[in-house]
Amino acid sequence: MLSKKIVSTRNEEDCSMDSYLKEVKDTLDQLENIDFSIPHELVVIMKLNSFSTHYNIFVKTLTSKDFLPMLEELEPQLLNEKFQIQLDVDKEISTNVLAIQDSM
């Protein structure tokens, strides 16, 4: 069932953001082709809630506003957030490696 798929699709850590967003869009397109529409606010909320805890601040910032962005507007924001999270992870790894090397 496509409606279950859109609800259960989660952004897994090992899945690229592009692949995840494409999967969501493809499912929404399939639903639209059979004249089944989901309000955009609901889709955005479901998608925002499908991310790991790394995205908590981003999600809270968006959901605290008076309006939610359209899914198309959300995509570049999500890609940027994914990039920022990866930078933070890389920085933390580098810091840990340097600390280990210094302790040797």
PDB file of N, CA and C in Angstrom:
ATOM      1  N   MET A   1       0.825  -1.175   0.000  1.00  0.00           N
ATOM      2  CA  MET A   1       0.000   0.000   0.000  1.00  0.00           C
ATOM      3  C   MET A   1       0.875   1.246   0.000  1.00  0.00           C
ATOM      4  N   LEU A   2       0.614   2.131  -0.920  1.00  0.00           N
ATOM      5  CA  LEU A   2       1.399   3.352  -1.044  1.00  0.00           C
ATOM      6  C   LEU A   2       1.229   4.280   0.148  1.00  0.00           C
ATOM      7  N   SER A   3       0.019   4.365   0.671  1.00  0.00           N
ATOM      8  CA  SER A   3      -0.200   5.255   1.815  1.00  0.00           C
ATOM      9  C   SER A   3       0.608   4.801   3.033  1.00  0.00           C
ATOM     10  N   LYS A   4       0.739   3.493   3.224  1.00  0.00           N
ATOM     11  CA  LYS A   4       1.568   2.979   4.318  1.00  0.00           C
ATOM     12  C   LYS A   4       3.034   3.257   4.051  1.00  0.00           C
ATOM     13  N   LYS A   5       3.420   3.177   2.788  1.00  0.00           N
ATOM     14  CA  LYS A   5       4.820   3.405   2.428  1.00  0.00           C
ATOM     15  C   LYS A   5       5.244   4.835   2.757  1.00  0.00           C
ATOM     16  N   ILE A   6       4.398   5.799   2.466  1.00  0.00           N
ATOM     17  CA  ILE A   6       4.762   7.193   2.726  1.00  0.00           C
ATOM     18  C   ILE A   6       4.878   7.449   4.229  1.00  0.00           C
ATOM     19  N   VAL A   7       4.090   6.761   5.018  1.00  0.00           N
ATOM     20  CA  VAL A   7       4.143   6.922   6.470  1.00  0.00           C
ATOM     21  C   VAL A   7       5.351   6.206   7.054  1.00  0.00           C
ATOM     22  N   SER A   8       5.684   5.044   6.532  1.00  0.00           N
ATOM     23  CA  SER A   8       6.738   4.226   7.139  1.00  0.00           C
ATOM     24  C   SER A   8       8.135   4.492   6.589  1.00  0.00           C
ATOM     25  N   THR A   9       8.253   5.228   5.500  1.00  0.00           N
ATOM     26  CA  THR A   9       9.571   5.504   4.936  1.00  0.00           C
ATOM     27  C   THR A   9      10.365   6.363   5.906  1.00  0.00           C
ATOM     28  N   ARG A  10      11.537   5.872   6.273  1.00  0.00           N
ATOM     29  CA  ARG A  10      12.398   6.592   7.214  1.00  0.00           C
ATOM     30  C   ARG A  10      13.730   6.876   6.537  1.00  0.00           C
ATOM     31  N   ASN A  11      14.359   7.919   6.987  1.00  0.00           N
ATOM     32  CA  ASN A  11      15.679   8.244   6.469  1.00  0.00           C
ATOM     33  C   ASN A  11      16.713   7.504   7.308  1.00  0.00           C
ATOM     34  N   GLU A  12      17.225   6.448   6.760  1.00  0.00           N
ATOM     35  CA  GLU A  12      18.217   5.647   7.463  1.00  0.00           C
ATOM     36  C   GLU A  12      19.579   6.328   7.368  1.00  0.00           C
ATOM     37  N   GLU A  13      20.418   6.119   8.365  1.00  0.00           N
ATOM     38  CA  GLU A  13      21.728   6.765   8.418  1.00  0.00           C
ATOM     39  C   GLU A  13      22.589   6.432   7.196  1.00  0.00           C
ATOM     40  N   ASP A  14      22.465   5.206   6.688  1.00  0.00           N
ATOM     41  CA  ASP A  14      23.315   4.808   5.566  1.00  0.00           C
ATOM     42  C   ASP A  14      22.701   5.136   4.203  1.00  0.00           C
ATOM     43  N   CYS A  15      21.540   5.743   4.192  1.00  0.00           N
ATOM     44  CA  CYS A  15      20.858   6.118   2.951  1.00  0.00           C
ATOM     45  C   CYS A  15      21.190   7.573   2.629  1.00  0.00           C
ATOM     46  N   SER A  16      21.475   7.858   1.368  1.00  0.00           N
ATOM     47  CA  SER A  16      21.762   9.245   1.017  1.00  0.00           C
ATOM     48  C   SER A  16      20.480  10.066   1.085  1.00  0.00           C
ATOM     49  N   MET A  17      20.637  11.331   1.400  1.00  0.00           N
ATOM     50  CA  MET A  17      19.488  12.226   1.485  1.00  0.00           C
ATOM     51  C   MET A  17      18.808  12.326   0.123  1.00  0.00           C
ATOM     52  N   ASP A  18      19.584  12.380  -0.934  1.00  0.00           N
ATOM     53  CA  ASP A  18      19.006  12.447  -2.284  1.00  0.00           C
ATOM     54  C   ASP A  18      18.117  11.242  -2.567  1.00  0.00           C
ATOM     55  N   SER A  19      18.593  10.052  -2.217  1.00  0.00           N
ATOM     56  CA  SER A  19      17.819   8.826  -2.446  1.00  0.00           C
ATOM     57  C   SER A  19      16.534   8.833  -1.634  1.00  0.00           C
ATOM     58  N   TYR A  20      16.656   9.249  -0.395  1.00  0.00           N
ATOM     59  CA  TYR A  20      15.492   9.305   0.480  1.00  0.00           C
ATOM     60  C   TYR A  20      14.443  10.273  -0.065  1.00  0.00           C
ATOM     61  N   LEU A  21      14.863  11.477  -0.430  1.00  0.00           N
ATOM     62  CA  LEU A  21      13.926  12.473  -0.951  1.00  0.00           C
ATOM     63  C   LEU A  21      13.303  12.025  -2.262  1.00  0.00           C
ATOM     64  N   LYS A  22      14.088  11.337  -3.089  1.00  0.00           N
ATOM     65  CA  LYS A  22      13.548  10.821  -4.354  1.00  0.00           C
ATOM     66  C   LYS A  22      12.495   9.755  -4.083  1.00  0.00           C
ATOM     67  N   GLU A  23      12.752   8.892  -3.126  1.00  0.00           N
ATOM     68  CA  GLU A  23      11.786   7.843  -2.767  1.00  0.00           C
ATOM     69  C   GLU A  23      10.471   8.459  -2.276  1.00  0.00           C
ATOM     70  N   VAL A  24      10.577   9.485  -1.448  1.00  0.00           N
ATOM     71  CA  VAL A  24       9.382  10.166  -0.951  1.00  0.00           C
ATOM     72  C   VAL A  24       8.613  10.788  -2.108  1.00  0.00           C
ATOM     73  N   LYS A  25       9.315  11.504  -2.962  1.00  0.00           N
ATOM     74  CA  LYS A  25       8.667  12.156  -4.097  1.00  0.00           C
ATOM     75  C   LYS A  25       8.016  11.136  -5.025  1.00  0.00           C
ATOM     76  N   ASP A  26       8.715  10.052  -5.317  1.00  0.00           N
ATOM     77  CA  ASP A  26       8.155   9.005  -6.184  1.00  0.00           C
ATOM     78  C   ASP A  26       6.875   8.420  -5.585  1.00  0.00           C
ATOM     79  N   THR A  27       6.881   8.177  -4.293  1.00  0.00           N
ATOM     80  CA  THR A  27       5.687   7.632  -3.643  1.00  0.00           C
ATOM     81  C   THR A  27       4.538   8.630  -3.691  1.00  0.00           C
ATOM     82  N   LEU A  28       4.832   9.904  -3.433  1.00  0.00           N
ATOM     83  CA  LEU A  28       3.792  10.932  -3.509  1.00  0.00           C
ATOM     84  C   LEU A  28       3.239  11.051  -4.925  1.00  0.00           C
ATOM     85  N   ASP A  29       4.109  10.947  -5.913  1.00  0.00           N
ATOM     86  CA  ASP A  29       3.663  10.995  -7.312  1.00  0.00           C
ATOM     87  C   ASP A  29       2.752   9.812  -7.641  1.00  0.00           C
ATOM     88  N   GLN A  30       3.103   8.638  -7.152  1.00  0.00           N
ATOM     89  CA  GLN A  30       2.275   7.456  -7.387  1.00  0.00           C
ATOM     90  C   GLN A  30       0.906   7.620  -6.729  1.00  0.00           C
ATOM     91  N   LEU A  31       0.903   8.174  -5.529  1.00  0.00           N
ATOM     92  CA  LEU A  31      -0.375   8.415  -4.854  1.00  0.00           C
ATOM     93  C   LEU A  31      -1.216   9.431  -5.622  1.00  0.00           C
ATOM     94  N   GLU A  32      -0.568  10.457  -6.111  1.00  0.00           N
ATOM     95  CA  GLU A  32      -1.281  11.473  -6.884  1.00  0.00           C
ATOM     96  C   GLU A  32      -1.864  10.888  -8.173  1.00  0.00           C
ATOM     97  N   ASN A  33      -1.142   9.952  -8.780  1.00  0.00           N
ATOM     98  CA  ASN A  33      -1.622   9.317 -10.013  1.00  0.00           C
ATOM     99  C   ASN A  33      -2.898   8.512  -9.812  1.00  0.00           C
ATOM    100  N   ILE A  34      -3.131   8.087  -8.589  1.00  0.00           N
ATOM    101  CA  ILE A  34      -4.373   7.348  -8.312  1.00  0.00           C
ATOM    102  C   ILE A  34      -5.374   8.240  -7.562  1.00  0.00           C
ATOM    103  N   ASP A  35      -5.160   9.552  -7.683  1.00  0.00           N
ATOM    104  CA  ASP A  35      -6.043  10.557  -7.080  1.00  0.00           C
ATOM    105  C   ASP A  35      -6.164  10.439  -5.565  1.00  0.00           C
ATOM    106  N   PHE A  36      -5.055  10.123  -4.945  1.00  0.00           N
ATOM    107  CA  PHE A  36      -4.997  10.063  -3.489  1.00  0.00           C
ATOM    108  C   PHE A  36      -4.010  11.136  -3.046  1.00  0.00           C
ATOM    109  N   SER A  37      -4.525  12.145  -2.391  1.00  0.00           N
ATOM    110  CA  SER A  37      -3.628  13.220  -1.976  1.00  0.00           C
ATOM    111  C   SER A  37      -3.552  13.310  -0.455  1.00  0.00           C
ATOM    112  N   ILE A  38      -2.394  13.693  -0.002  1.00  0.00           N
ATOM    113  CA  ILE A  38      -2.145  13.893   1.423  1.00  0.00           C
ATOM    114  C   ILE A  38      -1.806  15.373   1.581  1.00  0.00           C
ATOM    115  N   PRO A  39      -2.420  16.042   2.521  1.00  0.00           N
ATOM    116  CA  PRO A  39      -2.097  17.463   2.720  1.00  0.00           C
ATOM    117  C   PRO A  39      -0.588  17.667   2.916  1.00  0.00           C
ATOM    118  N   HIS A  40      -0.060  18.692   2.285  1.00  0.00           N
ATOM    119  CA  HIS A  40       1.394  18.884   2.314  1.00  0.00           C
ATOM    120  C   HIS A  40       1.926  19.033   3.736  1.00  0.00           C
ATOM    121  N   GLU A  41       1.169  19.654   4.631  1.00  0.00           N
ATOM    122  CA  GLU A  41       1.630  19.804   6.012  1.00  0.00           C
ATOM    123  C   GLU A  41       1.846  18.450   6.683  1.00  0.00           C
ATOM    124  N   LEU A  42       0.947  17.528   6.410  1.00  0.00           N
ATOM    125  CA  LEU A  42       1.068  16.195   6.982  1.00  0.00           C
ATOM    126  C   LEU A  42       2.289  15.466   6.424  1.00  0.00           C
ATOM    127  N   VAL A  43       2.509  15.595   5.131  1.00  0.00           N
ATOM    128  CA  VAL A  43       3.680  14.960   4.512  1.00  0.00           C
ATOM    129  C   VAL A  43       4.958  15.531   5.116  1.00  0.00           C
ATOM    130  N   VAL A  44       5.031  16.844   5.233  1.00  0.00           N
ATOM    131  CA  VAL A  44       6.230  17.479   5.787  1.00  0.00           C
ATOM    132  C   VAL A  44       6.457  17.037   7.226  1.00  0.00           C
ATOM    133  N   ILE A  45       5.418  17.014   8.029  1.00  0.00           N
ATOM    134  CA  ILE A  45       5.561  16.580   9.424  1.00  0.00           C
ATOM    135  C   ILE A  45       6.006  15.119   9.496  1.00  0.00           C
ATOM    136  N   MET A  46       5.404  14.261   8.682  1.00  0.00           N
ATOM    137  CA  MET A  46       5.806  12.846   8.684  1.00  0.00           C
ATOM    138  C   MET A  46       7.272  12.704   8.297  1.00  0.00           C
ATOM    139  N   LYS A  47       7.684  13.453   7.298  1.00  0.00           N
ATOM    140  CA  LYS A  47       9.071  13.349   6.844  1.00  0.00           C
ATOM    141  C   LYS A  47      10.044  13.906   7.881  1.00  0.00           C
ATOM    142  N   LEU A  48       9.692  15.030   8.488  1.00  0.00           N
ATOM    143  CA  LEU A  48      10.574  15.594   9.509  1.00  0.00           C
ATOM    144  C   LEU A  48      10.720  14.643  10.693  1.00  0.00           C
ATOM    145  N   ASN A  49       9.657  13.945  11.020  1.00  0.00           N
ATOM    146  CA  ASN A  49       9.713  13.001  12.141  1.00  0.00           C
ATOM    147  C   ASN A  49      10.416  11.704  11.789  1.00  0.00           C
ATOM    148  N   SER A  50      10.786  11.535  10.550  1.00  0.00           N
ATOM    149  CA  SER A  50      11.442  10.294  10.135  1.00  0.00           C
ATOM    150  C   SER A  50      12.967  10.363  10.246  1.00  0.00           C
ATOM    151  N   PHE A  51      13.484  11.507  10.678  1.00  0.00           N
ATOM    152  CA  PHE A  51      14.935  11.665  10.745  1.00  0.00           C
ATOM    153  C   PHE A  51      15.482  11.286  12.108  1.00  0.00           C
ATOM    154  N   SER A  52      16.773  10.993  12.124  1.00  0.00           N
ATOM    155  CA  SER A  52      17.434  10.613  13.368  1.00  0.00           C
ATOM    156  C   SER A  52      17.524  11.809  14.315  1.00  0.00           C
ATOM    157  N   THR A  53      17.993  11.559  15.510  1.00  0.00           N
ATOM    158  CA  THR A  53      18.113  12.613  16.510  1.00  0.00           C
ATOM    159  C   THR A  53      19.097  13.702  16.116  1.00  0.00           C
ATOM    160  N   HIS A  54      19.964  13.431  15.156  1.00  0.00           N
ATOM    161  CA  HIS A  54      20.891  14.458  14.664  1.00  0.00           C
ATOM    162  C   HIS A  54      20.134  15.674  14.125  1.00  0.00           C
ATOM    163  N   TYR A  55      18.904  15.466  13.712  1.00  0.00           N
ATOM    164  CA  TYR A  55      18.109  16.526  13.088  1.00  0.00           C
ATOM    165  C   TYR A  55      17.145  17.212  14.064  1.00  0.00           C
ATOM    166  N   ASN A  56      17.215  16.888  15.340  1.00  0.00           N
ATOM    167  CA  ASN A  56      16.238  17.409  16.307  1.00  0.00           C
ATOM    168  C   ASN A  56      16.121  18.928  16.309  1.00  0.00           C
ATOM    169  N   ILE A  57      17.233  19.629  16.349  1.00  0.00           N
ATOM    170  CA  ILE A  57      17.181  21.095  16.388  1.00  0.00           C
ATOM    171  C   ILE A  57      16.571  21.634  15.095  1.00  0.00           C
ATOM    172  N   PHE A  58      16.978  21.077  13.980  1.00  0.00           N
ATOM    173  CA  PHE A  58      16.442  21.485  12.679  1.00  0.00           C
ATOM    174  C   PHE A  58      14.926  21.278  12.643  1.00  0.00           C
ATOM    175  N   VAL A  59      14.486  20.108  13.072  1.00  0.00           N
ATOM    176  CA  VAL A  59      13.052  19.777  13.065  1.00  0.00           C
ATOM    177  C   VAL A  59      12.280  20.708  14.002  1.00  0.00           C
ATOM    178  N   LYS A  60      12.793  20.911  15.202  1.00  0.00           N
ATOM    179  CA  LYS A  60      12.104  21.785  16.153  1.00  0.00           C
ATOM    180  C   LYS A  60      12.022  23.212  15.634  1.00  0.00           C
ATOM    181  N   THR A  61      13.054  23.671  14.975  1.00  0.00           N
ATOM    182  CA  THR A  61      13.041  25.020  14.412  1.00  0.00           C
ATOM    183  C   THR A  61      11.945  25.152  13.359  1.00  0.00           C
ATOM    184  N   LEU A  62      11.863  24.192  12.477  1.00  0.00           N
ATOM    185  CA  LEU A  62      10.847  24.252  11.420  1.00  0.00           C
ATOM    186  C   LEU A  62       9.429  24.092  11.957  1.00  0.00           C
ATOM    187  N   THR A  63       9.243  23.178  12.866  1.00  0.00           N
ATOM    188  CA  THR A  63       7.886  22.909  13.348  1.00  0.00           C
ATOM    189  C   THR A  63       7.393  23.962  14.330  1.00  0.00           C
ATOM    190  N   SER A  64       8.273  24.805  14.838  1.00  0.00           N
ATOM    191  CA  SER A  64       7.836  25.857  15.755  1.00  0.00           C
ATOM    192  C   SER A  64       7.334  27.098  15.018  1.00  0.00           C
ATOM    193  N   LYS A  65       7.516  27.134  13.715  1.00  0.00           N
ATOM    194  CA  LYS A  65       7.057  28.277  12.930  1.00  0.00           C
ATOM    195  C   LYS A  65       5.553  28.193  12.696  1.00  0.00           C
ATOM    196  N   ASP A  66       4.979  29.315  12.282  1.00  0.00           N
ATOM    197  CA  ASP A  66       3.540  29.369  12.026  1.00  0.00           C
ATOM    198  C   ASP A  66       3.130  28.609  10.769  1.00  0.00           C
ATOM    199  N   PHE A  67       4.079  28.344   9.890  1.00  0.00           N
ATOM    200  CA  PHE A  67       3.783  27.622   8.656  1.00  0.00           C
ATOM    201  C   PHE A  67       4.920  26.660   8.356  1.00  0.00           C
ATOM    202  N   LEU A  68       4.589  25.614   7.652  1.00  0.00           N
ATOM    203  CA  LEU A  68       5.604  24.641   7.241  1.00  0.00           C
ATOM    204  C   LEU A  68       5.945  24.874   5.775  1.00  0.00           C
ATOM    205  N   PRO A  69       7.195  24.648   5.407  1.00  0.00           N
ATOM    206  CA  PRO A  69       7.549  24.816   4.002  1.00  0.00           C
ATOM    207  C   PRO A  69       6.937  23.703   3.150  1.00  0.00           C
ATOM    208  N   MET A  70       6.807  23.980   1.891  1.00  0.00           N
ATOM    209  CA  MET A  70       6.396  22.939   0.953  1.00  0.00           C
ATOM    210  C   MET A  70       7.539  21.925   0.874  1.00  0.00           C
ATOM    211  N   LEU A  71       7.227  20.708   0.488  1.00  0.00           N
ATOM    212  CA  LEU A  71       8.248  19.669   0.400  1.00  0.00           C
ATOM    213  C   LEU A  71       9.378  20.090  -0.529  1.00  0.00           C
ATOM    214  N   GLU A  72       9.043  20.758  -1.623  1.00  0.00           N
ATOM    215  CA  GLU A  72      10.062  21.210  -2.581  1.00  0.00           C
ATOM    216  C   GLU A  72      10.995  22.244  -1.948  1.00  0.00           C
ATOM    217  N   GLU A  73      10.465  23.064  -1.053  1.00  0.00           N
ATOM    218  CA  GLU A  73      11.281  24.055  -0.356  1.00  0.00           C
ATOM    219  C   GLU A  73      12.115  23.406   0.748  1.00  0.00           C
ATOM    220  N   LEU A  74      11.618  22.334   1.271  1.00  0.00           N
ATOM    221  CA  LEU A  74      12.294  21.637   2.355  1.00  0.00           C
ATOM    222  C   LEU A  74      13.525  20.868   1.862  1.00  0.00           C
ATOM    223  N   GLU A  75      13.474  20.374   0.655  1.00  0.00           N
ATOM    224  CA  GLU A  75      14.565  19.544   0.133  1.00  0.00           C
ATOM    225  C   GLU A  75      15.935  20.203   0.217  1.00  0.00           C
ATOM    226  N   PRO A  76      16.116  21.427  -0.302  1.00  0.00           N
ATOM    227  CA  PRO A  76      17.453  22.027  -0.191  1.00  0.00           C
ATOM    228  C   PRO A  76      17.870  22.277   1.256  1.00  0.00           C
ATOM    229  N   GLN A  77      16.906  22.573   2.115  1.00  0.00           N
ATOM    230  CA  GLN A  77      17.213  22.776   3.530  1.00  0.00           C
ATOM    231  C   GLN A  77      17.699  21.476   4.167  1.00  0.00           C
ATOM    232  N   LEU A  78      17.057  20.371   3.805  1.00  0.00           N
ATOM    233  CA  LEU A  78      17.475  19.069   4.334  1.00  0.00           C
ATOM    234  C   LEU A  78      18.859  18.677   3.827  1.00  0.00           C
ATOM    235  N   LEU A  79      19.108  18.930   2.556  1.00  0.00           N
ATOM    236  CA  LEU A  79      20.425  18.619   2.000  1.00  0.00           C
ATOM    237  C   LEU A  79      21.514  19.439   2.696  1.00  0.00           C
ATOM    238  N   ASN A  80      21.230  20.695   2.958  1.00  0.00           N
ATOM    239  CA  ASN A  80      22.186  21.547   3.665  1.00  0.00           C
ATOM    240  C   ASN A  80      22.392  21.062   5.098  1.00  0.00           C
ATOM    241  N   GLU A  81      21.311  20.696   5.760  1.00  0.00           N
ATOM    242  CA  GLU A  81      21.419  20.195   7.138  1.00  0.00           C
ATOM    243  C   GLU A  81      22.230  18.900   7.181  1.00  0.00           C
ATOM    244  N   LYS A  82      22.009  18.022   6.231  1.00  0.00           N
ATOM    245  CA  LYS A  82      22.780  16.768   6.152  1.00  0.00           C
ATOM    246  C   LYS A  82      24.268  17.083   6.009  1.00  0.00           C
ATOM    247  N   PHE A  83      24.592  18.061   5.156  1.00  0.00           N
ATOM    248  CA  PHE A  83      25.972  18.480   4.948  1.00  0.00           C
ATOM    249  C   PHE A  83      26.565  19.026   6.248  1.00  0.00           C
ATOM    250  N   GLN A  84      25.820  19.880   6.952  1.00  0.00           N
ATOM    251  CA  GLN A  84      26.295  20.455   8.208  1.00  0.00           C
ATOM    252  C   GLN A  84      26.508  19.380   9.273  1.00  0.00           C
ATOM    253  N   ILE A  85      25.604  18.431   9.345  1.00  0.00           N
ATOM    254  CA  ILE A  85      25.744  17.333  10.301  1.00  0.00           C
ATOM    255  C   ILE A  85      26.995  16.522   9.983  1.00  0.00           C
ATOM    256  N   GLN A  86      27.225  16.247   8.709  1.00  0.00           N
ATOM    257  CA  GLN A  86      28.416  15.482   8.318  1.00  0.00           C
ATOM    258  C   GLN A  86      29.692  16.235   8.666  1.00  0.00           C
ATOM    259  N   LEU A  87      29.685  17.556   8.471  1.00  0.00           N
ATOM    260  CA  LEU A  87      30.846  18.370   8.865  1.00  0.00           C
ATOM    261  C   LEU A  87      31.107  18.253  10.363  1.00  0.00           C
ATOM    262  N   ASP A  88      30.045  18.307  11.155  1.00  0.00           N
ATOM    263  CA  ASP A  88      30.182  18.184  12.608  1.00  0.00           C
ATOM    264  C   ASP A  88      30.736  16.823  13.002  1.00  0.00           C
ATOM    265  N   VAL A  89      30.240  15.779  12.353  1.00  0.00           N
ATOM    266  CA  VAL A  89      30.720  14.418  12.637  1.00  0.00           C
ATOM    267  C   VAL A  89      32.192  14.298  12.256  1.00  0.00           C
ATOM    268  N   ASP A  90      32.547  14.801  11.080  1.00  0.00           N
ATOM    269  CA  ASP A  90      33.951  14.743  10.635  1.00  0.00           C
ATOM    270  C   ASP A  90      34.865  15.501  11.591  1.00  0.00           C
ATOM    271  N   LYS A  91      34.409  16.660  12.058  1.00  0.00           N
ATOM    272  CA  LYS A  91      35.204  17.459  12.997  1.00  0.00           C
ATOM    273  C   LYS A  91      35.396  16.703  14.304  1.00  0.00           C
ATOM    274  N   GLU A  92      34.333  16.066  14.784  1.00  0.00           N
ATOM    275  CA  GLU A  92      34.422  15.301  16.030  1.00  0.00           C
ATOM    276  C   GLU A  92      35.386  14.124  15.877  1.00  0.00           C
ATOM    277  N   ILE A  93      35.327  13.444  14.752  1.00  0.00           N
ATOM    278  CA  ILE A  93      36.236  12.320  14.500  1.00  0.00           C
ATOM    279  C   ILE A  93      37.674  12.809  14.473  1.00  0.00           C
ATOM    280  N   SER A  94      37.929  13.913  13.777  1.00  0.00           N
ATOM    281  CA  SER A  94      39.284  14.469  13.698  1.00  0.00           C
ATOM    282  C   SER A  94      39.803  14.845  15.079  1.00  0.00           C
ATOM    283  N   THR A  95      38.941  15.467  15.882  1.00  0.00           N
ATOM    284  CA  THR A  95      39.327  15.847  17.235  1.00  0.00           C
ATOM    285  C   THR A  95      39.671  14.620  18.071  1.00  0.00           C
ATOM    286  N   ASN A  96      38.882  13.568  17.950  1.00  0.00           N
ATOM    287  CA  ASN A  96      39.144  12.335  18.695  1.00  0.00           C
ATOM    288  C   ASN A  96      40.430  11.669  18.243  1.00  0.00           C
ATOM    289  N   VAL A  97      40.689  11.660  16.945  1.00  0.00           N
ATOM    290  CA  VAL A  97      41.935  11.067  16.425  1.00  0.00           C
ATOM    291  C   VAL A  97      43.138  11.827  16.940  1.00  0.00           C
ATOM    292  N   LEU A  98      43.057  13.166  16.902  1.00  0.00           N
ATOM    293  CA  LEU A  98      44.162  13.976  17.411  1.00  0.00           C
ATOM    294  C   LEU A  98      44.377  13.752  18.901  1.00  0.00           C
ATOM    295  N   ALA A  99      43.311  13.605  19.668  1.00  0.00           N
ATOM    296  CA  ALA A  99      43.432  13.363  21.112  1.00  0.00           C
ATOM    297  C   ALA A  99      44.086  12.014  21.368  1.00  0.00           C
ATOM    298  N   ILE A 100      43.744  11.031  20.587  1.00  0.00           N
ATOM    299  CA  ILE A 100      44.365   9.697  20.741  1.00  0.00           C
ATOM    300  C   ILE A 100      45.846   9.753  20.390  1.00  0.00           C
ATOM    301  N   GLN A 101      46.157  10.455  19.295  1.00  0.00           N
ATOM    302  CA  GLN A 101      47.564  10.568  18.888  1.00  0.00           C
ATOM    303  C   GLN A 101      48.380  11.317  19.929  1.00  0.00           C
ATOM    304  N   ASP A 102      47.804  12.343  20.522  1.00  0.00           N
ATOM    305  CA  ASP A 102      48.505  13.116  21.548  1.00  0.00           C
ATOM    306  C   ASP A 102      48.746  12.308  22.804  1.00  0.00           C
ATOM    307  N   SER A 103      47.870  11.344  23.074  1.00  0.00           N
ATOM    308  CA  SER A 103      48.012  10.551  24.287  1.00  0.00           C
ATOM    309  C   SER A 103      49.013   9.410  24.121  1.00  0.00           C
ATOM    310  N   MET A 104      49.493   9.194  22.924  1.00  0.00           N
ATOM    311  CA  MET A 104      50.434   8.085  22.683  1.00  0.00           C
ATOM    312  C   MET A 104      51.846   8.487  22.959  1.00  0.00           C
TER     313      MET A 104
END
